[in-house]
Amino acid sequence: MSDSDAETPDPDTFVEQLERTIERDTVLLRRGLDLHEKFCVAADAQEAKREQAEKEAASRGEKRPFVETEEERAWDVYHDRALTGIAIDNRHVLEQLGLDPRNSALYETFPELLTQACNPQTPILYDPSIRRFGLKETWGPALRTISHCPWSGRKLPEDLADRWFDLIEELMGTDDWSTDEAREKLSSDYFNETWWIERGL
């Protein structure tokens, strides 16, 4: 077998491996998003409960009630918080593409880029609704946008964030789409690639 033959993956094997990876990562990210929701709901209640316990202890002249150390607490939640961060960063490709790069209209032109964007283990992020690609920065939610594909060198299509917000404002009279009430007024097409595909953008 030549080197070229060894480097050429069998198409059926590739698809099978891709689908297994999609299934695994989907489960992972769904769990991360569920954990994120639980964190958001419980955070305020947990903090209020801790503050109340400390106030009651102080009123009795007692020392601060026992709580785990900051280091113990950090290690206790590290894994779950890391997972929620990964899930939040990749929620667009999870919800809009099902983590399957072949579901994107850009896959034929940028197959490697889309494959990596749908892989939660890479720093490549993609928001299909505004056609934005970027690199996840180490700290915080910041995204460093990119203009060319790192693998092919091809120039990426225009980022549609400004057009998206202009369109939303035209449709709703406001660009505040973040509330549940506002999102209910918008077709799901505006939260995936459909709207810009239909407009030939």
N, C-alpha and C. Protein backbone atom coordinates (compact mmCIF):
# COMPACT_ATOMS: atom_id res chain seq x y z
N MET A 1 0.86 -1.20 0.00
CA MET A 1 0.00 0.00 0.00
C MET A 1 0.89 1.24 0.00
N SER A 2 0.60 2.16 -0.89
CA SER A 2 1.39 3.38 -0.97
C SER A 2 1.03 4.32 0.17
N ASP A 3 1.90 5.32 0.40
CA ASP A 3 1.63 6.31 1.44
C ASP A 3 0.34 7.07 1.16
N SER A 4 0.10 7.35 -0.13
CA SER A 4 -1.11 8.11 -0.48
C SER A 4 -2.36 7.31 -0.16
N ASP A 5 -2.29 5.98 -0.40
CA ASP A 5 -3.44 5.14 -0.08
C ASP A 5 -3.68 5.10 1.42
N ALA A 6 -2.59 5.07 2.20
CA ALA A 6 -2.72 4.98 3.66
C ALA A 6 -3.32 6.25 4.24
N GLU A 7 -3.08 7.38 3.58
CA GLU A 7 -3.55 8.66 4.11
C GLU A 7 -4.98 8.97 3.69
N THR A 8 -5.53 8.19 2.75
CA THR A 8 -6.87 8.46 2.26
C THR A 8 -7.89 7.68 3.08
N PRO A 9 -8.72 8.36 3.88
CA PRO A 9 -9.68 7.64 4.72
C PRO A 9 -10.81 7.04 3.89
N ASP A 10 -11.27 5.91 4.33
CA ASP A 10 -12.42 5.30 3.68
C ASP A 10 -13.65 6.15 3.97
N PRO A 11 -14.41 6.56 2.94
CA PRO A 11 -15.56 7.44 3.16
C PRO A 11 -16.57 6.90 4.16
N ASP A 12 -16.86 5.60 4.06
CA ASP A 12 -17.84 5.02 4.99
C ASP A 12 -17.32 5.05 6.42
N THR A 13 -16.04 4.77 6.60
CA THR A 13 -15.44 4.80 7.93
C THR A 13 -15.46 6.23 8.49
N PHE A 14 -15.14 7.18 7.62
CA PHE A 14 -15.15 8.59 8.05
C PHE A 14 -16.52 9.00 8.55
N VAL A 15 -17.55 8.68 7.78
CA VAL A 15 -18.91 9.06 8.16
C VAL A 15 -19.32 8.38 9.46
N GLU A 16 -18.97 7.10 9.60
CA GLU A 16 -19.30 6.36 10.81
C GLU A 16 -18.63 6.98 12.04
N GLN A 17 -17.34 7.32 11.89
CA GLN A 17 -16.62 7.94 13.00
C GLN A 17 -17.17 9.32 13.32
N LEU A 18 -17.51 10.07 12.28
CA LEU A 18 -18.07 11.40 12.49
C LEU A 18 -19.38 11.34 13.24
N GLU A 19 -20.25 10.41 12.86
CA GLU A 19 -21.56 10.30 13.51
C GLU A 19 -21.43 9.86 14.97
N ARG A 20 -20.46 8.99 15.25
CA ARG A 20 -20.22 8.59 16.64
C ARG A 20 -19.73 9.77 17.47
N THR A 21 -18.85 10.56 16.86
CA THR A 21 -18.31 11.73 17.55
C THR A 21 -19.41 12.75 17.82
N ILE A 22 -20.27 12.96 16.83
CA ILE A 22 -21.38 13.90 16.99
C ILE A 22 -22.29 13.46 18.12
N GLU A 23 -22.61 12.17 18.16
CA GLU A 23 -23.48 11.65 19.21
C GLU A 23 -22.86 11.84 20.58
N ARG A 24 -21.58 11.53 20.71
CA ARG A 24 -20.89 11.67 22.00
C ARG A 24 -20.84 13.12 22.45
N ASP A 25 -20.44 14.01 21.54
CA ASP A 25 -20.28 15.41 21.91
C ASP A 25 -21.62 16.09 22.17
N THR A 26 -22.66 15.64 21.47
CA THR A 26 -23.99 16.20 21.71
C THR A 26 -24.45 15.91 23.14
N VAL A 27 -24.24 14.67 23.57
CA VAL A 27 -24.59 14.30 24.94
C VAL A 27 -23.80 15.16 25.93
N LEU A 28 -22.52 15.34 25.66
CA LEU A 28 -21.66 16.13 26.53
C LEU A 28 -22.14 17.57 26.64
N LEU A 29 -22.42 18.17 25.50
CA LEU A 29 -22.82 19.58 25.52
C LEU A 29 -24.22 19.77 26.09
N ARG A 30 -25.12 18.85 25.82
CA ARG A 30 -26.46 18.94 26.41
C ARG A 30 -26.35 18.91 27.94
N ARG A 31 -25.49 18.04 28.44
CA ARG A 31 -25.30 17.98 29.89
C ARG A 31 -24.73 19.30 30.39
N GLY A 32 -23.79 19.86 29.65
CA GLY A 32 -23.21 21.13 30.05
C GLY A 32 -24.23 22.24 30.10
N LEU A 33 -25.13 22.30 29.13
CA LEU A 33 -26.16 23.33 29.11
C LEU A 33 -27.15 23.13 30.24
N ASP A 34 -27.48 21.88 30.53
CA ASP A 34 -28.37 21.60 31.66
C ASP A 34 -27.74 22.06 32.97
N LEU A 35 -26.45 21.79 33.12
CA LEU A 35 -25.74 22.20 34.32
C LEU A 35 -25.70 23.72 34.43
N HIS A 36 -25.53 24.38 33.29
CA HIS A 36 -25.49 25.84 33.30
C HIS A 36 -26.81 26.41 33.80
N GLU A 37 -27.91 25.86 33.33
CA GLU A 37 -29.22 26.32 33.77
C GLU A 37 -29.39 26.12 35.27
N LYS A 38 -28.92 24.98 35.75
CA LYS A 38 -29.04 24.70 37.18
C LYS A 38 -28.18 25.66 38.00
N PHE A 39 -26.98 25.95 37.49
CA PHE A 39 -26.13 26.91 38.18
C PHE A 39 -26.80 28.27 38.28
N CYS A 40 -27.39 28.71 37.18
CA CYS A 40 -28.03 30.03 37.14
C CYS A 40 -29.20 30.11 38.13
N VAL A 41 -29.99 29.05 38.17
CA VAL A 41 -31.16 29.03 39.05
C VAL A 41 -30.75 28.96 40.51
N ALA A 42 -29.71 28.18 40.79
CA ALA A 42 -29.33 27.92 42.18
C ALA A 42 -28.36 28.94 42.78
N ALA A 43 -27.66 29.67 41.96
CA ALA A 43 -26.58 30.52 42.46
C ALA A 43 -27.06 31.55 43.47
N ASP A 44 -28.11 32.30 43.12
CA ASP A 44 -28.60 33.34 44.02
C ASP A 44 -29.13 32.74 45.31
N ALA A 45 -29.87 31.64 45.19
CA ALA A 45 -30.44 31.01 46.38
C ALA A 45 -29.34 30.48 47.30
N GLN A 46 -28.30 29.93 46.71
CA GLN A 46 -27.20 29.39 47.50
C GLN A 46 -26.47 30.51 48.23
N GLU A 47 -26.23 31.60 47.55
CA GLU A 47 -25.53 32.73 48.18
C GLU A 47 -26.37 33.35 49.29
N ALA A 48 -27.67 33.47 49.05
CA ALA A 48 -28.55 34.03 50.07
C ALA A 48 -28.59 33.14 51.31
N LYS A 49 -28.61 31.84 51.09
CA LYS A 49 -28.63 30.89 52.20
C LYS A 49 -27.35 30.99 53.02
N ARG A 50 -26.22 31.14 52.35
CA ARG A 50 -24.94 31.25 53.05
C ARG A 50 -24.88 32.54 53.87
N GLU A 51 -25.34 33.62 53.27
CA GLU A 51 -25.32 34.91 53.97
C GLU A 51 -26.24 34.87 55.19
N GLN A 52 -27.40 34.23 55.04
CA GLN A 52 -28.33 34.15 56.16
C GLN A 52 -27.74 33.34 57.31
N ALA A 53 -27.06 32.24 56.98
CA ALA A 53 -26.44 31.41 58.01
C ALA A 53 -25.37 32.18 58.75
N GLU A 54 -24.62 32.99 58.03
CA GLU A 54 -23.57 33.77 58.67
C GLU A 54 -24.15 34.87 59.56
N LYS A 55 -25.24 35.49 59.12
CA LYS A 55 -25.88 36.52 59.94
C LYS A 55 -26.44 35.93 61.22
N GLU A 56 -27.08 34.78 61.10
CA GLU A 56 -27.65 34.14 62.29
C GLU A 56 -26.56 33.73 63.27
N ALA A 57 -25.45 33.23 62.75
CA ALA A 57 -24.34 32.85 63.61
C ALA A 57 -23.75 34.07 64.29
N ALA A 58 -23.63 35.16 63.56
CA ALA A 58 -23.07 36.39 64.14
C ALA A 58 -23.98 36.95 65.22
N SER A 59 -25.31 36.86 65.00
CA SER A 59 -26.26 37.38 66.00
C SER A 59 -26.19 36.60 67.30
N ARG A 60 -25.73 35.35 67.23
CA ARG A 60 -25.59 34.53 68.43
C ARG A 60 -24.18 34.61 69.01
N GLY A 61 -23.37 35.46 68.37
CA GLY A 61 -22.01 35.60 68.85
C GLY A 61 -21.13 34.43 68.49
N GLU A 62 -21.56 33.66 67.53
CA GLU A 62 -20.78 32.50 67.13
C GLU A 62 -19.85 32.85 65.97
N LYS A 63 -18.87 32.00 65.80
CA LYS A 63 -17.99 32.18 64.68
C LYS A 63 -18.72 31.81 63.40
N ARG A 64 -18.13 32.21 62.31
CA ARG A 64 -18.70 31.89 61.00
C ARG A 64 -18.94 30.39 60.90
N PRO A 65 -20.15 29.97 60.51
CA PRO A 65 -20.40 28.53 60.39
C PRO A 65 -19.46 27.88 59.40
N PHE A 66 -19.21 26.61 59.64
CA PHE A 66 -18.24 25.90 58.80
C PHE A 66 -18.70 25.87 57.35
N VAL A 67 -17.80 26.24 56.49
CA VAL A 67 -18.00 26.07 55.05
C VAL A 67 -16.70 25.53 54.48
N GLU A 68 -16.81 24.86 53.38
CA GLU A 68 -15.60 24.33 52.77
C GLU A 68 -14.71 25.48 52.34
N THR A 69 -13.41 25.23 52.29
CA THR A 69 -12.47 26.27 51.91
C THR A 69 -12.69 26.66 50.45
N GLU A 70 -12.17 27.82 50.08
CA GLU A 70 -12.30 28.27 48.70
C GLU A 70 -11.66 27.27 47.74
N GLU A 71 -10.53 26.70 48.16
CA GLU A 71 -9.86 25.73 47.29
C GLU A 71 -10.70 24.47 47.12
N GLU A 72 -11.28 24.00 48.23
CA GLU A 72 -12.12 22.81 48.15
C GLU A 72 -13.34 23.07 47.28
N ARG A 73 -13.94 24.23 47.46
CA ARG A 73 -15.12 24.58 46.68
C ARG A 73 -14.78 24.68 45.20
N ALA A 74 -13.61 25.29 44.92
CA ALA A 74 -13.20 25.46 43.53
C ALA A 74 -13.01 24.11 42.84
N TRP A 75 -12.33 23.20 43.51
CA TRP A 75 -12.12 21.89 42.91
C TRP A 75 -13.41 21.12 42.78
N ASP A 76 -14.34 21.36 43.71
CA ASP A 76 -15.60 20.64 43.69
C ASP A 76 -16.44 20.98 42.47
N VAL A 77 -16.37 22.25 42.05
CA VAL A 77 -17.21 22.68 40.92
C VAL A 77 -16.42 22.83 39.62
N TYR A 78 -15.11 22.64 39.67
CA TYR A 78 -14.29 22.92 38.50
C TYR A 78 -14.75 22.18 37.26
N HIS A 79 -14.94 20.88 37.40
CA HIS A 79 -15.29 20.08 36.23
C HIS A 79 -16.62 20.52 35.62
N ASP A 80 -17.65 20.69 36.49
CA ASP A 80 -18.96 21.07 35.97
C ASP A 80 -18.93 22.46 35.34
N ARG A 81 -18.22 23.38 35.95
CA ARG A 81 -18.17 24.73 35.39
C ARG A 81 -17.39 24.74 34.07
N ALA A 82 -16.34 23.94 34.01
CA ALA A 82 -15.59 23.84 32.75
C ALA A 82 -16.48 23.30 31.65
N LEU A 83 -17.27 22.31 32.00
CA LEU A 83 -18.17 21.70 31.02
C LEU A 83 -19.24 22.69 30.56
N THR A 84 -19.77 23.47 31.50
CA THR A 84 -20.78 24.45 31.10
C THR A 84 -20.17 25.51 30.19
N GLY A 85 -18.92 25.87 30.46
CA GLY A 85 -18.27 26.86 29.60
C GLY A 85 -18.11 26.35 28.18
N ILE A 86 -17.70 25.11 28.05
CA ILE A 86 -17.56 24.50 26.72
C ILE A 86 -18.91 24.44 26.02
N ALA A 87 -19.95 24.08 26.79
CA ALA A 87 -21.29 23.96 26.20
C ALA A 87 -21.80 25.30 25.72
N ILE A 88 -21.61 26.35 26.53
CA ILE A 88 -22.08 27.68 26.15
C ILE A 88 -21.34 28.17 24.91
N ASP A 89 -20.03 27.96 24.87
CA ASP A 89 -19.25 28.39 23.71
C ASP A 89 -19.71 27.71 22.43
N ASN A 90 -20.15 26.46 22.54
CA ASN A 90 -20.51 25.68 21.35
C ASN A 90 -22.01 25.52 21.15
N ARG A 91 -22.81 26.30 21.86
CA ARG A 91 -24.26 26.11 21.79
C ARG A 91 -24.82 26.41 20.40
N HIS A 92 -24.17 27.31 19.65
CA HIS A 92 -24.69 27.66 18.33
C HIS A 92 -24.62 26.48 17.37
N VAL A 93 -23.47 25.82 17.32
CA VAL A 93 -23.34 24.69 16.41
C VAL A 93 -24.11 23.48 16.94
N LEU A 94 -24.30 23.42 18.24
CA LEU A 94 -25.10 22.32 18.80
C LEU A 94 -26.56 22.49 18.43
N GLU A 95 -27.11 23.67 18.67
CA GLU A 95 -28.54 23.90 18.46
C GLU A 95 -28.90 24.07 16.99
N GLN A 96 -28.00 24.65 16.21
CA GLN A 96 -28.34 24.99 14.83
C GLN A 96 -27.83 23.98 13.80
N LEU A 97 -26.76 23.28 14.12
CA LEU A 97 -26.21 22.30 13.17
C LEU A 97 -26.22 20.89 13.72
N GLY A 98 -26.60 20.73 14.99
CA GLY A 98 -26.57 19.41 15.59
C GLY A 98 -25.17 18.84 15.68
N LEU A 99 -24.17 19.72 15.74
CA LEU A 99 -22.74 19.36 15.77
C LEU A 99 -22.29 18.62 14.51
N ASP A 100 -23.11 18.65 13.47
CA ASP A 100 -22.76 17.97 12.22
C ASP A 100 -22.34 19.02 11.19
N PRO A 101 -21.06 19.10 10.86
CA PRO A 101 -20.60 20.14 9.92
C PRO A 101 -21.26 20.06 8.56
N ARG A 102 -21.73 18.87 8.19
CA ARG A 102 -22.37 18.70 6.87
C ARG A 102 -23.70 19.41 6.78
N ASN A 103 -24.25 19.85 7.91
CA ASN A 103 -25.52 20.57 7.91
C ASN A 103 -25.35 22.04 7.59
N SER A 104 -24.13 22.50 7.44
CA SER A 104 -23.89 23.90 7.11
C SER A 104 -23.79 24.11 5.61
N ALA A 105 -24.32 25.22 5.15
CA ALA A 105 -24.24 25.56 3.73
C ALA A 105 -22.80 25.85 3.31
N LEU A 106 -21.92 26.06 4.28
CA LEU A 106 -20.53 26.39 3.97
C LEU A 106 -19.61 25.17 3.97
N TYR A 107 -20.17 24.00 4.24
CA TYR A 107 -19.32 22.82 4.43
C TYR A 107 -18.52 22.46 3.17
N GLU A 108 -19.13 22.52 2.01
CA GLU A 108 -18.43 22.14 0.79
C GLU A 108 -17.22 23.04 0.53
N THR A 109 -17.35 24.31 0.90
CA THR A 109 -16.26 25.25 0.65
C THR A 109 -15.21 25.22 1.75
N PHE A 110 -15.67 25.01 2.99
CA PHE A 110 -14.76 25.02 4.15
C PHE A 110 -14.96 23.77 5.01
N PRO A 111 -14.71 22.58 4.47
CA PRO A 111 -15.00 21.36 5.22
C PRO A 111 -14.20 21.22 6.51
N GLU A 112 -12.91 21.50 6.46
CA GLU A 112 -12.08 21.33 7.66
C GLU A 112 -12.45 22.35 8.73
N LEU A 113 -12.69 23.58 8.31
CA LEU A 113 -13.07 24.63 9.26
C LEU A 113 -14.38 24.29 9.96
N LEU A 114 -15.38 23.84 9.21
CA LEU A 114 -16.66 23.48 9.81
C LEU A 114 -16.53 22.26 10.71
N THR A 115 -15.69 21.30 10.29
CA THR A 115 -15.48 20.11 11.11
C THR A 115 -14.88 20.49 12.45
N GLN A 116 -13.91 21.39 12.44
CA GLN A 116 -13.29 21.81 13.69
C GLN A 116 -14.23 22.69 14.52
N ALA A 117 -15.05 23.50 13.86
CA ALA A 117 -16.00 24.35 14.57
C ALA A 117 -17.06 23.52 15.29
N CYS A 118 -17.34 22.33 14.77
CA CYS A 118 -18.32 21.44 15.40
C CYS A 118 -17.68 20.48 16.39
N ASN A 119 -16.40 20.67 16.64
CA ASN A 119 -15.67 19.83 17.60
C ASN A 119 -15.46 20.65 18.88
N PRO A 120 -16.13 20.32 19.98
CA PRO A 120 -16.02 21.11 21.21
C PRO A 120 -14.62 21.14 21.80
N GLN A 121 -13.73 20.27 21.32
CA GLN A 121 -12.38 20.22 21.87
C GLN A 121 -11.42 21.19 21.19
N THR A 122 -11.90 21.93 20.20
CA THR A 122 -11.04 22.90 19.53
C THR A 122 -11.49 24.32 19.88
N PRO A 123 -10.62 25.31 19.70
CA PRO A 123 -10.99 26.70 20.01
C PRO A 123 -11.72 27.40 18.87
N ILE A 124 -12.05 26.68 17.79
CA ILE A 124 -12.76 27.29 16.66
C ILE A 124 -14.25 27.36 16.98
N LEU A 125 -14.81 28.56 16.91
CA LEU A 125 -16.23 28.75 17.18
C LEU A 125 -16.93 29.30 15.94
N TYR A 126 -18.20 28.95 15.80
CA TYR A 126 -18.99 29.42 14.65
C TYR A 126 -20.41 29.69 15.08
N ASP A 127 -20.92 30.86 14.71
CA ASP A 127 -22.31 31.21 14.94
C ASP A 127 -23.00 31.25 13.58
N PRO A 128 -23.76 30.21 13.24
CA PRO A 128 -24.38 30.13 11.91
C PRO A 128 -25.34 31.28 11.61
N SER A 129 -26.02 31.80 12.61
CA SER A 129 -27.03 32.83 12.36
C SER A 129 -26.43 34.12 11.83
N ILE A 130 -25.21 34.44 12.26
CA ILE A 130 -24.56 35.66 11.77
C ILE A 130 -23.31 35.36 10.94
N ARG A 131 -23.08 34.08 10.67
CA ARG A 131 -21.97 33.63 9.83
C ARG A 131 -20.63 34.16 10.33
N ARG A 132 -20.44 34.00 11.61
CA ARG A 132 -19.20 34.50 12.23
C ARG A 132 -18.34 33.34 12.73
N PHE A 133 -17.09 33.36 12.31
CA PHE A 133 -16.10 32.40 12.79
C PHE A 133 -15.11 33.12 13.69
N GLY A 134 -14.60 32.40 14.67
CA GLY A 134 -13.61 33.03 15.54
C GLY A 134 -12.86 32.01 16.37
N LEU A 135 -11.90 32.52 17.11
CA LEU A 135 -11.10 31.72 18.02
C LEU A 135 -11.47 32.09 19.45
N LYS A 136 -11.73 31.09 20.27
CA LYS A 136 -12.06 31.32 21.67
C LYS A 136 -10.81 31.79 22.41
N GLU A 137 -10.95 32.92 23.11
CA GLU A 137 -9.83 33.40 23.92
C GLU A 137 -9.80 32.64 25.24
N THR A 138 -8.63 32.61 25.86
CA THR A 138 -8.43 31.78 27.04
C THR A 138 -9.32 32.18 28.20
N TRP A 139 -9.43 33.48 28.45
CA TRP A 139 -10.20 33.95 29.59
C TRP A 139 -11.45 34.68 29.15
N GLY A 140 -12.54 34.38 29.82
CA GLY A 140 -13.78 35.09 29.54
C GLY A 140 -14.46 34.63 28.27
N PRO A 141 -15.56 35.33 27.92
CA PRO A 141 -16.36 34.93 26.76
C PRO A 141 -15.91 35.54 25.44
N ALA A 142 -14.76 36.20 25.44
CA ALA A 142 -14.32 36.93 24.25
C ALA A 142 -14.05 36.00 23.09
N LEU A 143 -14.34 36.51 21.90
CA LEU A 143 -14.12 35.76 20.66
C LEU A 143 -13.28 36.63 19.74
N ARG A 144 -12.18 36.08 19.25
CA ARG A 144 -11.34 36.79 18.29
C ARG A 144 -11.75 36.34 16.89
N THR A 145 -12.44 37.21 16.17
CA THR A 145 -12.95 36.83 14.85
C THR A 145 -11.80 36.61 13.87
N ILE A 146 -12.06 35.73 12.90
CA ILE A 146 -11.06 35.46 11.87
C ILE A 146 -11.67 35.74 10.50
N SER A 147 -10.84 36.13 9.56
CA SER A 147 -11.32 36.50 8.22
C SER A 147 -10.95 35.48 7.15
N HIS A 148 -10.05 34.54 7.48
CA HIS A 148 -9.62 33.53 6.52
C HIS A 148 -9.61 32.16 7.19
N CYS A 149 -9.82 31.12 6.40
CA CYS A 149 -9.79 29.76 6.91
C CYS A 149 -8.35 29.38 7.23
N PRO A 150 -8.07 28.93 8.45
CA PRO A 150 -6.70 28.56 8.81
C PRO A 150 -6.17 27.36 8.02
N TRP A 151 -7.04 26.54 7.44
CA TRP A 151 -6.60 25.34 6.74
C TRP A 151 -6.43 25.58 5.24
N SER A 152 -7.39 26.22 4.62
CA SER A 152 -7.31 26.42 3.17
C SER A 152 -6.72 27.78 2.78
N GLY A 153 -6.76 28.72 3.70
CA GLY A 153 -6.29 30.06 3.40
C GLY A 153 -7.33 30.91 2.68
N ARG A 154 -8.47 30.32 2.38
CA ARG A 154 -9.51 31.06 1.65
C ARG A 154 -10.13 32.14 2.52
N LYS A 155 -10.52 33.22 1.89
CA LYS A 155 -11.21 34.29 2.61
C LYS A 155 -12.60 33.82 2.98
N LEU A 156 -12.99 34.08 4.21
CA LEU A 156 -14.31 33.67 4.68
C LEU A 156 -15.37 34.65 4.20
N PRO A 157 -16.61 34.20 4.06
CA PRO A 157 -17.69 35.12 3.65
C PRO A 157 -17.92 36.18 4.71
N GLU A 158 -18.60 37.22 4.31
CA GLU A 158 -18.84 38.38 5.18
C GLU A 158 -19.55 38.00 6.49
N ASP A 159 -19.06 38.56 7.57
CA ASP A 159 -19.74 38.45 8.86
C ASP A 159 -21.04 39.25 8.78
N LEU A 160 -22.17 38.62 9.13
CA LEU A 160 -23.48 39.23 8.92
C LEU A 160 -24.11 39.80 10.20
N ALA A 161 -23.32 40.02 11.24
CA ALA A 161 -23.88 40.49 12.51
C ALA A 161 -24.62 41.81 12.34
N ASP A 162 -24.01 42.78 11.67
CA ASP A 162 -24.64 44.09 11.50
C ASP A 162 -25.94 43.97 10.70
N ARG A 163 -25.89 43.19 9.63
CA ARG A 163 -27.10 43.01 8.82
C ARG A 163 -28.19 42.31 9.62
N TRP A 164 -27.79 41.36 10.46
CA TRP A 164 -28.77 40.63 11.27
C TRP A 164 -29.48 41.57 12.22
N PHE A 165 -28.73 42.39 12.93
CA PHE A 165 -29.34 43.32 13.88
C PHE A 165 -30.20 44.36 13.16
N ASP A 166 -29.77 44.83 12.00
CA ASP A 166 -30.58 45.78 11.22
C ASP A 166 -31.90 45.13 10.82
N LEU A 167 -31.84 43.88 10.41
CA LEU A 167 -33.04 43.17 9.99
C LEU A 167 -33.99 42.95 11.16
N ILE A 168 -33.45 42.58 12.30
CA ILE A 168 -34.27 42.35 13.49
C ILE A 168 -34.95 43.64 13.92
N GLU A 169 -34.20 44.74 13.87
CA GLU A 169 -34.77 46.04 14.25
C GLU A 169 -35.88 46.43 13.28
N GLU A 170 -35.69 46.12 11.99
CA GLU A 170 -36.71 46.42 10.99
C GLU A 170 -37.98 45.60 11.23
N LEU A 171 -37.80 44.36 11.60
CA LEU A 171 -38.95 43.47 11.81
C LEU A 171 -39.68 43.75 13.11
N MET A 172 -38.94 44.12 14.14
CA MET A 172 -39.53 44.23 15.48
C MET A 172 -39.65 45.66 15.98
N GLY A 173 -38.96 46.57 15.32
CA GLY A 173 -38.96 47.95 15.81
C GLY A 173 -37.95 48.16 16.91
N THR A 174 -37.18 47.12 17.23
CA THR A 174 -36.13 47.18 18.24
C THR A 174 -35.13 46.07 17.95
N ASP A 175 -33.89 46.30 18.39
CA ASP A 175 -32.89 45.24 18.19
C ASP A 175 -32.71 44.41 19.45
N ASP A 176 -33.60 44.61 20.43
CA ASP A 176 -33.53 43.83 21.66
C ASP A 176 -34.29 42.53 21.46
N TRP A 177 -33.57 41.50 21.04
CA TRP A 177 -34.18 40.20 20.76
C TRP A 177 -33.94 39.22 21.90
N SER A 178 -33.32 39.67 22.98
CA SER A 178 -32.84 38.74 24.01
C SER A 178 -33.94 38.19 24.91
N THR A 179 -35.09 38.87 25.00
CA THR A 179 -36.14 38.38 25.89
C THR A 179 -36.91 37.25 25.22
N ASP A 180 -37.51 36.41 26.05
CA ASP A 180 -38.31 35.30 25.52
C ASP A 180 -39.46 35.82 24.67
N GLU A 181 -40.07 36.92 25.13
CA GLU A 181 -41.20 37.49 24.39
C GLU A 181 -40.77 37.93 22.99
N ALA A 182 -39.60 38.56 22.91
CA ALA A 182 -39.11 39.02 21.62
C ALA A 182 -38.77 37.85 20.71
N ARG A 183 -38.12 36.83 21.28
CA ARG A 183 -37.72 35.68 20.47
C ARG A 183 -38.94 34.92 19.93
N GLU A 184 -40.03 34.95 20.68
CA GLU A 184 -41.25 34.25 20.22
C GLU A 184 -41.83 34.91 18.98
N LYS A 185 -41.54 36.18 18.77
CA LYS A 185 -42.06 36.90 17.61
C LYS A 185 -41.25 36.62 16.35
N LEU A 186 -40.08 36.04 16.52
CA LEU A 186 -39.19 35.81 15.39
C LEU A 186 -39.23 34.36 14.95
N SER A 187 -39.21 34.16 13.66
CA SER A 187 -39.13 32.80 13.13
C SER A 187 -37.77 32.19 13.51
N SER A 188 -37.75 30.90 13.71
CA SER A 188 -36.50 30.22 14.03
C SER A 188 -35.48 30.36 12.90
N ASP A 189 -35.96 30.71 11.70
CA ASP A 189 -35.06 30.89 10.56
C ASP A 189 -34.02 31.98 10.82
N TYR A 190 -34.36 32.94 11.69
CA TYR A 190 -33.43 34.03 11.97
C TYR A 190 -32.35 33.63 12.98
N PHE A 191 -32.43 32.41 13.49
CA PHE A 191 -31.44 31.95 14.45
C PHE A 191 -30.62 30.79 13.89
N ASN A 192 -30.61 30.68 12.55
CA ASN A 192 -29.74 29.71 11.89
C ASN A 192 -29.33 30.29 10.53
N GLU A 193 -28.84 29.46 9.65
CA GLU A 193 -28.35 29.95 8.35
C GLU A 193 -29.44 30.28 7.35
N THR A 194 -30.68 29.88 7.64
CA THR A 194 -31.76 29.97 6.65
C THR A 194 -31.96 31.38 6.13
N TRP A 195 -31.99 32.36 7.01
CA TRP A 195 -32.34 33.73 6.58
C TRP A 195 -31.35 34.29 5.58
N TRP A 196 -30.06 34.02 5.78
CA TRP A 196 -29.08 34.58 4.82
C TRP A 196 -28.95 33.73 3.58
N ILE A 197 -29.27 32.45 3.68
CA ILE A 197 -29.26 31.61 2.47
C ILE A 197 -30.39 32.06 1.55
N GLU A 198 -31.59 32.28 2.14
CA GLU A 198 -32.76 32.68 1.33
C GLU A 198 -32.54 34.04 0.67
N ARG A 199 -31.73 34.89 1.26
CA ARG A 199 -31.47 36.22 0.71
C ARG A 199 -30.24 36.25 -0.19
N GLY A 200 -29.61 35.09 -0.38
CA GLY A 200 -28.45 35.02 -1.26
C GLY A 200 -27.27 35.79 -0.78
N LEU A 201 -27.13 35.91 0.53
CA LEU A 201 -26.01 36.69 1.09
C LEU A 201 -24.73 35.85 1.19
